[in-house]
Amino acid sequence: MSTRITFWGAAGFEIVWPGKRMLIDPFLTGNPTAPLRPGEVETPDLILVSHAAFDHVGDTAAIATRTGAPVVCGGDVRTLLIDQGVDGDQIQATIWGIVTEVAGVVVRPVECHHWSTSRLSTGEANVGTPLAFIVETEPGVRIYHYGDTSIFDMRLFGELYRPTVGLLGCSQPRELLDAVPGPGRFLTGEMSPDEAARAAEMLGVDLAVACHYLTLDEDVEEFLRFVGEYDSTGRRRALAPRVGETVVVDGHRYEIEGRS
């Protein structure tokens, strides 16, 4: 058996394992590096949405409406998706600590230090709680998706849930920054490369996968270096896929498909 984790850019992934296909934060429209269009996405068994930012909720409504796939998200994202035309019966709202099973997949939402805000078609502000996720795809493969969290003490997640793969934001999709209003200039993502590498150590993952970028940059390179510096296990791997590339998890073997 193996788990295949395909990077779609920003924090978006398609994760496939025997008998299941899951999407997380499927941001394709408006993504200049997107490897496919929303109408080309194979029908998923489940879609997870961490929060309501445009580059995370992304094309969830279009994919869910076309395929009938169920969605797991926070309460505010459920309200947003219903406003965008998704049948409310397809959407399971949850919050940190409330584990849910949907389509045969057990989803554990965990704490995420971020925000989740959007505006409905009525103009009404819609605010809620962002989520990070832990999902076991097969025995011994437990994937943590950071959901855009900033750094905090994650050691308890490592002790309790023992994730083996961490999808960890370490940069910023700079190609999208012009779409963010305000007079300032963002200097980092929610976690710096140093912080993301420390998160990998606190979680105790065997594989740290970089994300929250559209093109590889110096932040990603720093993350790869820092992961090695903070590794107390002597076995942790760090990988940085390009958009469209697939990380293959096969037992304790981790590789980016097609890379020499």
Foldseek 3Di string as FASTA:
>chain_A
DKWKWAFQAALWIWIDDVPFIEIFQDAAVVQPQGPDDLVPDDQGQEYEFFAADCSRCHCVLVNCVVRVHAYEYAPLVLVQSVLVPHPSVRYHHDEAPDWDAGSNWIKHWHAAADWHWDAGPVRDIGTDGGTWIWTAPDVPAIETRRRQGAADQCLVLLVPVNHAEYAFEAAAAVVCVVVDDDDDDDDGGSYHLLRRLVVCQSNVYQEYEYHRYQADDVRLVSNQVNNVVSDPPVRHHYYYDHRRWMWMGDPSDTDTPPDD
